Amino acid sequence: MPNIILTDYCNQSCPYCFAKKMMDGDNGNIDFALFSRIIDYLVDNGEKRIGIIGGEPTLHPEFLKLIDYAVKRAGLVHLFTNGMVRDEVVRGIGAFPEEKLTVLVNLNAREFYTDKQLAKIERTLSAMGHRATLGYTIHSESFSLEFHREMIVKHGLRRHLRLGLASPIAGSDKGDFLKSCDQVRLAGNIVAAAELLEEQDILIEFDCGFFYCLFTTEQLGILTEKTLGFHSSCKPVIDIDMEGLAHRCFPTTGVYARKIFDYPDISALRSAFNRKFDGLKILGKEGKCFDCKFLSRGQCGGGCVGRTLCEQPDLLPKLSMVS
């Protein structure tokens, strides 16, 4: 599912949100003319599902106008938000059919929020109801999803939770993320979180960047039963920014951008990103994935290529030699 970035503004002082370093500088908001052209390009080339991201996309001054156009053209629009949404925008979202517009609310731990922020988020969740899915991004070895379980049950949200890893930004020394060597200590906590959520019939859906070998055979069995199924992948998501430039994904922003309209369709664009980055996957976990049977069989995606580039910055100049 390709994503369109509406704005690089955010309404939280959040070190983990997309606004932190999606692009250098402050490029503001996408204009309606470019947005509608991108939507038409995607839909006309067979894309039925389109993501809307930011920054915080609901801060765009023409947010509802943009969403209305996207909903009318696409099969499904999936909005990513931090949940701190203005009441009038929440009401506007509620006017769209649930089967045409869904929402992913990415929440941090409860202690991250002030009482005022939490009250705003809870109003959003209550209004969204079953339209919304919660997400959590892991940025430390120790974490709990009890708060997320409480919010899902209290507000009648979808009984799924997207679990992701905080992503580094290739070529930058900033960012809050776990190195590959630190991830091995996550396995037990992830399994415990899955078991906690499953008690309320809430199932984890894994985002990209996880290693297959992060878990033991026994742990993988538990995850098979108590989540939507563990998978390890690292594929081009395609994030399209406010200037019509496509990036493979958030971690590789700024490393290799392409003009979206130079390609006949998204498949051709994904192929270009694959040619550029797929060779990094064999380096994977601290350069130890060369002879991995899980990688060669396609069971593991080799972790996150952005993390590989951050941990081995000498690879960045060599990347420019790949056509």
Protein backbone atom coordinates (compact mmCIF):
# COMPACT_ATOMS: atom_id res chain seq x y z
CA MET A 1 0.00 0.00 0.00
CA PRO A 2 1.68 3.27 -1.09
CA ASN A 3 1.46 6.19 1.36
CA ILE A 4 1.02 9.88 0.62
CA ILE A 5 2.52 12.38 3.07
CA LEU A 6 0.11 15.28 3.61
CA THR A 7 2.20 17.42 5.96
CA ASP A 8 5.43 17.32 7.91
CA TYR A 9 3.87 19.09 10.90
CA CYS A 10 3.05 17.27 14.12
CA ASN A 11 1.03 18.19 17.22
CA GLN A 12 3.13 16.18 19.68
CA SER A 13 6.64 16.59 20.97
CA CYS A 14 7.17 13.00 19.91
CA PRO A 15 10.63 11.61 19.10
CA TYR A 16 9.11 8.58 17.38
CA CYS A 17 6.65 10.16 14.92
CA PHE A 18 7.13 10.44 11.17
CA ALA A 19 7.56 14.22 11.44
CA LYS A 20 10.93 13.99 13.21
CA LYS A 21 13.08 13.51 10.15
CA MET A 22 10.92 12.50 7.19
CA MET A 23 12.55 15.22 5.13
CA ASP A 24 15.18 17.86 5.69
CA GLY A 25 13.74 21.30 6.26
CA ASP A 26 10.11 22.35 6.65
CA ASN A 27 8.14 21.73 3.47
CA GLY A 28 4.73 22.37 4.98
CA ASN A 29 1.74 20.80 3.27
CA ILE A 30 1.03 19.03 0.00
CA ASP A 31 -1.20 21.06 -2.31
CA PHE A 32 -4.48 19.71 -3.62
CA ALA A 33 -3.42 19.73 -7.28
CA LEU A 34 -0.42 17.47 -6.66
CA PHE A 35 -2.34 15.27 -4.23
CA SER A 36 -5.18 14.65 -6.68
CA ARG A 37 -2.67 13.95 -9.46
CA ILE A 38 -0.92 11.36 -7.28
CA ILE A 39 -4.24 9.75 -6.34
CA ASP A 40 -5.25 9.54 -10.01
CA TYR A 41 -1.88 8.05 -10.94
CA LEU A 42 -2.14 5.38 -8.25
CA VAL A 43 -5.76 4.45 -8.90
CA ASP A 44 -5.42 4.48 -12.68
CA ASN A 45 -2.47 2.08 -12.33
CA GLY A 46 -4.38 -0.43 -10.26
CA GLU A 47 -3.67 0.61 -6.67
CA LYS A 48 -6.85 0.00 -4.68
CA ARG A 49 -5.51 0.78 -1.18
CA ILE A 50 -3.82 4.09 -0.34
CA GLY A 51 -2.29 5.20 2.96
CA ILE A 52 -2.40 8.79 4.26
CA ILE A 53 0.48 9.74 6.58
CA GLY A 54 2.44 12.73 7.91
CA GLY A 55 3.70 14.29 10.29
CA GLU A 56 0.17 14.38 11.63
CA PRO A 57 -1.94 14.34 8.42
CA THR A 58 -5.10 15.68 10.07
CA LEU A 59 -3.31 19.02 10.60
CA HIS A 60 -3.42 19.72 6.85
CA PRO A 61 -5.70 22.78 6.41
CA GLU A 62 -7.59 21.00 3.60
CA PHE A 63 -7.53 17.55 5.18
CA LEU A 64 -11.20 16.67 4.71
CA LYS A 65 -11.16 17.93 1.11
CA LEU A 66 -8.16 15.72 0.34
CA ILE A 67 -9.70 12.69 2.06
CA ASP A 68 -12.99 13.19 0.24
CA TYR A 69 -11.18 13.09 -3.11
CA ALA A 70 -9.16 10.03 -2.12
CA VAL A 71 -12.21 8.14 -0.83
CA LYS A 72 -14.15 8.81 -4.03
CA ARG A 73 -11.30 7.52 -6.20
CA ALA A 74 -9.71 4.68 -4.22
CA GLY A 75 -11.12 1.38 -3.00
CA LEU A 76 -9.84 1.97 0.54
CA VAL A 77 -8.10 4.88 2.24
CA HIS A 78 -6.13 4.06 5.40
CA LEU A 79 -5.32 7.02 7.64
CA PHE A 80 -2.35 6.98 10.06
CA THR A 81 -2.69 9.37 13.01
CA ASN A 82 -1.42 9.93 16.55
CA GLY A 83 -5.02 10.35 17.76
CA MET A 84 -4.80 14.02 18.72
CA VAL A 85 -7.40 15.06 16.15
CA ARG A 86 -9.56 18.18 16.20
CA ASP A 87 -13.21 17.48 16.99
CA GLU A 88 -14.47 18.87 13.66
CA VAL A 89 -12.08 16.60 11.78
CA VAL A 90 -13.18 13.59 13.84
CA ARG A 91 -16.80 14.35 12.89
CA GLY A 92 -15.77 14.70 9.25
CA ILE A 93 -14.01 11.33 9.29
CA GLY A 94 -17.11 9.76 10.80
CA ALA A 95 -19.17 10.86 7.80
CA PHE A 96 -17.23 8.57 5.44
CA PRO A 97 -18.27 4.92 5.04
CA GLU A 98 -16.26 2.65 7.32
CA GLU A 99 -15.51 0.28 4.44
CA LYS A 100 -13.93 3.19 2.51
CA LEU A 101 -11.92 4.91 5.28
CA THR A 102 -10.11 3.12 8.10
CA VAL A 103 -7.78 4.57 10.74
CA LEU A 104 -4.58 3.40 12.43
CA VAL A 105 -3.96 5.27 15.70
CA ASN A 106 -0.39 4.85 16.85
CA LEU A 107 -0.17 5.28 20.63
CA ASN A 108 2.83 5.53 22.90
CA ALA A 109 2.81 4.38 26.53
CA ARG A 110 0.26 6.04 28.84
CA GLU A 111 2.95 7.99 30.72
CA PHE A 112 3.97 9.73 27.51
CA TYR A 113 0.78 11.84 27.52
CA THR A 114 -0.50 14.70 29.65
CA ASP A 115 -4.02 14.36 31.03
CA LYS A 116 -5.25 16.87 28.43
CA GLN A 117 -3.65 14.96 25.55
CA LEU A 118 -5.02 11.66 26.78
CA ALA A 119 -8.53 13.10 27.05
CA LYS A 120 -8.29 14.30 23.44
CA ILE A 121 -7.08 10.89 22.26
CA GLU A 122 -9.86 9.09 24.12
CA ARG A 123 -12.48 11.35 22.48
CA THR A 124 -11.01 10.43 19.11
CA LEU A 125 -10.98 6.71 19.87
CA SER A 126 -14.54 6.76 21.19
CA ALA A 127 -15.77 8.44 18.01
CA MET A 128 -13.79 6.13 15.72
CA GLY A 129 -14.89 2.88 17.35
CA HIS A 130 -14.55 -0.17 15.11
CA ARG A 131 -13.17 1.99 12.28
CA ALA A 132 -9.90 2.29 14.20
CA THR A 133 -6.99 -0.05 14.89
CA LEU A 134 -4.30 0.75 17.46
CA GLY A 135 -0.59 0.54 16.81
CA TYR A 136 2.50 0.57 18.99
CA THR A 137 6.10 1.15 17.96
CA ILE A 138 8.78 -0.53 20.08
CA HIS A 139 11.65 1.79 20.98
CA SER A 140 13.06 0.07 24.05
CA GLU A 141 13.58 -3.48 25.23
CA SER A 142 11.05 -3.10 28.03
CA PHE A 143 7.48 -2.22 27.04
CA SER A 144 3.90 -3.02 27.99
CA LEU A 145 0.69 -3.09 25.96
CA GLU A 146 -1.71 -3.07 28.92
CA PHE A 147 -2.69 0.54 28.14
CA HIS A 148 -3.44 -0.40 24.54
CA ARG A 149 -5.50 -3.38 25.64
CA GLU A 150 -7.52 -1.09 27.93
CA MET A 151 -8.16 1.44 25.14
CA ILE A 152 -9.21 -1.23 22.62
CA VAL A 153 -11.72 -2.78 25.00
CA LYS A 154 -13.01 0.52 26.42
CA HIS A 155 -13.68 2.17 23.06
CA GLY A 156 -14.74 -0.84 21.00
CA LEU A 157 -11.82 -0.67 18.58
CA ARG A 158 -10.85 -3.41 16.14
CA ARG A 159 -9.32 -6.35 17.98
CA HIS A 160 -5.99 -6.11 16.17
CA LEU A 161 -2.83 -4.23 17.10
CA ARG A 162 -0.06 -3.27 14.69
CA LEU A 163 3.33 -3.85 16.30
CA GLY A 164 6.35 -2.18 14.76
CA LEU A 165 9.96 -1.34 15.53
CA ALA A 166 11.21 2.24 15.85
CA SER A 167 13.07 2.89 12.62
CA PRO A 168 16.47 4.53 12.17
CA ILE A 169 17.08 6.96 9.35
CA ALA A 170 19.91 5.92 7.06
CA GLY A 171 22.65 8.51 6.84
CA SER A 172 21.62 10.20 10.10
CA ASP A 173 23.15 9.87 13.54
CA LYS A 174 19.82 10.80 15.13
CA GLY A 175 16.86 8.65 16.00
CA ASP A 176 15.63 6.42 18.75
CA PHE A 177 15.81 2.78 17.77
CA LEU A 178 17.11 -0.60 18.85
CA LYS A 179 20.21 -1.92 17.14
CA SER A 180 20.09 -5.40 15.68
CA CYS A 181 22.19 -6.80 18.53
CA ASP A 182 19.72 -5.38 21.08
CA GLN A 183 16.63 -6.87 19.47
CA VAL A 184 17.39 -10.39 20.71
CA ARG A 185 16.19 -9.33 24.17
CA LEU A 186 12.79 -8.35 22.78
CA ALA A 187 11.47 -11.84 22.06
CA GLY A 188 10.21 -12.69 25.53
CA ASN A 189 8.48 -9.33 25.94
CA ILE A 190 6.78 -9.62 22.55
CA VAL A 191 5.49 -13.11 23.36
CA ALA A 192 4.25 -11.91 26.76
CA ALA A 193 2.47 -8.97 25.12
CA ALA A 194 0.85 -11.29 22.58
CA GLU A 195 -0.41 -13.56 25.35
CA LEU A 196 -1.75 -10.57 27.31
CA LEU A 197 -3.70 -9.20 24.34
CA GLU A 198 -4.98 -12.58 23.22
CA GLU A 199 -6.78 -12.97 26.55
CA GLN A 200 -9.16 -10.30 25.20
CA ASP A 201 -9.17 -11.74 21.65
CA ILE A 202 -6.83 -8.96 20.49
CA LEU A 203 -4.29 -10.19 17.95
CA ILE A 204 -0.97 -8.59 17.04
CA GLU A 205 -0.19 -7.86 13.41
CA PHE A 206 3.57 -7.54 12.82
CA ASP A 207 4.94 -4.66 10.81
CA CYS A 208 8.18 -4.88 8.82
CA GLY A 209 11.76 -5.11 10.11
CA PHE A 210 11.60 -8.05 12.54
CA PHE A 211 14.06 -10.95 12.29
CA TYR A 212 12.84 -14.53 11.98
CA CYS A 213 15.68 -15.71 14.23
CA LEU A 214 14.60 -13.28 16.93
CA PHE A 215 12.37 -16.06 18.29
CA THR A 216 12.88 -19.67 19.33
CA THR A 217 10.84 -22.44 17.69
CA GLU A 218 8.66 -22.60 20.80
CA GLN A 219 8.06 -18.85 20.75
CA LEU A 220 7.14 -18.94 17.06
CA GLY A 221 4.56 -21.59 17.88
CA ILE A 222 3.01 -19.35 20.54
CA LEU A 223 2.92 -16.41 18.12
CA THR A 224 1.26 -18.57 15.47
CA GLU A 225 -1.56 -19.33 17.92
CA LYS A 226 -1.88 -15.97 19.64
CA THR A 227 -1.28 -13.40 16.86
CA LEU A 228 -2.27 -12.94 13.24
CA GLY A 229 0.92 -14.89 12.48
CA PHE A 230 4.53 -13.79 12.68
CA HIS A 231 6.23 -12.74 9.46
CA SER A 232 9.52 -11.09 8.66
CA SER A 233 9.60 -8.73 5.70
CA CYS A 234 11.39 -5.67 4.37
CA LYS A 235 9.75 -4.50 1.15
CA PRO A 236 9.34 -1.12 -0.55
CA VAL A 237 6.34 0.55 1.06
CA ILE A 238 6.57 3.66 -1.17
CA ASP A 239 6.12 6.92 0.72
CA ILE A 240 5.31 9.85 -1.58
CA ASP A 241 6.22 13.25 -0.21
CA MET A 242 4.83 16.77 -0.68
CA GLU A 243 6.93 17.30 -3.82
CA GLY A 244 5.91 14.10 -5.58
CA LEU A 245 9.14 12.28 -4.73
CA ALA A 246 8.89 8.60 -3.81
CA HIS A 247 10.97 7.03 -1.03
CA ARG A 248 11.33 3.30 -0.50
CA CYS A 249 10.29 3.66 3.14
CA PHE A 250 10.78 5.95 6.13
CA PRO A 251 14.21 4.54 7.15
CA THR A 252 15.65 5.17 3.67
CA THR A 253 14.25 8.69 3.29
CA GLY A 254 16.87 10.90 1.71
CA VAL A 255 19.06 8.00 0.56
CA TYR A 256 17.43 7.41 -2.79
CA ALA A 257 14.34 9.33 -3.97
CA ARG A 258 12.60 8.91 -7.32
CA LYS A 259 10.10 11.11 -9.19
CA ILE A 260 6.93 9.07 -9.09
CA PHE A 261 5.62 10.22 -12.47
CA ASP A 262 8.81 9.03 -14.20
CA TYR A 263 7.54 5.45 -13.77
CA PRO A 264 4.62 3.84 -15.61
CA ASP A 265 3.22 2.37 -12.38
CA ILE A 266 4.06 1.54 -8.78
CA SER A 267 5.28 -1.93 -9.73
CA ALA A 268 8.04 -0.41 -11.84
CA LEU A 269 8.92 1.94 -9.00
CA ARG A 270 9.08 -0.92 -6.49
CA SER A 271 11.34 -2.85 -8.87
CA ALA A 272 13.71 0.12 -9.00
CA PHE A 273 13.89 0.21 -5.21
CA ASN A 274 14.37 -3.55 -5.04
CA ARG A 275 17.32 -3.39 -7.43
CA LYS A 276 18.86 -0.67 -5.30
CA PHE A 277 18.38 -2.14 -1.83
CA ASP A 278 17.80 -5.90 -2.00
CA GLY A 279 21.52 -6.71 -1.94
CA LEU A 280 21.68 -5.30 1.60
CA LYS A 281 19.41 -8.02 2.96
CA ILE A 282 22.16 -10.64 3.07
CA LEU A 283 24.03 -8.37 5.50
CA GLY A 284 21.02 -8.18 7.78
CA LYS A 285 21.70 -8.86 11.43
CA GLU A 286 25.22 -7.52 12.02
CA GLY A 287 26.33 -8.95 8.67
CA LYS A 288 25.49 -12.52 9.72
CA CYS A 289 22.77 -13.41 7.20
CA PHE A 290 24.91 -14.65 4.28
CA ASP A 291 24.18 -18.33 4.78
CA CYS A 292 20.79 -18.02 6.52
CA LYS A 293 18.33 -20.64 5.28
CA PHE A 294 15.38 -18.53 6.45
CA LEU A 295 16.51 -15.61 4.29
CA SER A 296 17.26 -17.76 1.23
CA ARG A 297 13.85 -19.47 1.52
CA GLY A 298 12.03 -16.16 1.86
CA GLN A 299 10.91 -16.79 5.44
CA CYS A 300 12.91 -13.81 6.69
CA GLY A 301 13.32 -10.41 5.09
CA GLY A 302 16.77 -9.81 6.58
CA GLY A 303 15.55 -7.21 9.03
CA CYS A 304 15.41 -3.50 8.12
CA VAL A 305 17.70 -2.22 5.35
CA GLY A 306 17.61 1.23 6.94
CA ARG A 307 18.96 -0.27 10.16
CA THR A 308 21.65 -2.11 8.18
CA LEU A 309 22.73 1.17 6.58
CA CYS A 310 22.80 2.91 9.96
CA GLU A 311 24.86 0.19 11.58
CA GLN A 312 27.21 -0.06 8.58
CA PRO A 313 27.43 3.53 7.25
CA ASP A 314 30.34 2.64 4.96
CA LEU A 315 27.73 0.97 2.72
CA LEU A 316 26.09 4.29 1.84
CA PRO A 317 28.69 5.37 -0.76
CA LYS A 318 28.57 1.89 -2.32
CA LEU A 319 24.81 2.10 -2.65
CA SER A 320 25.22 4.85 -5.26
CA MET A 321 27.06 2.37 -7.49
CA VAL A 322 23.96 0.14 -7.76
CA SER A 323 21.75 1.02 -10.73
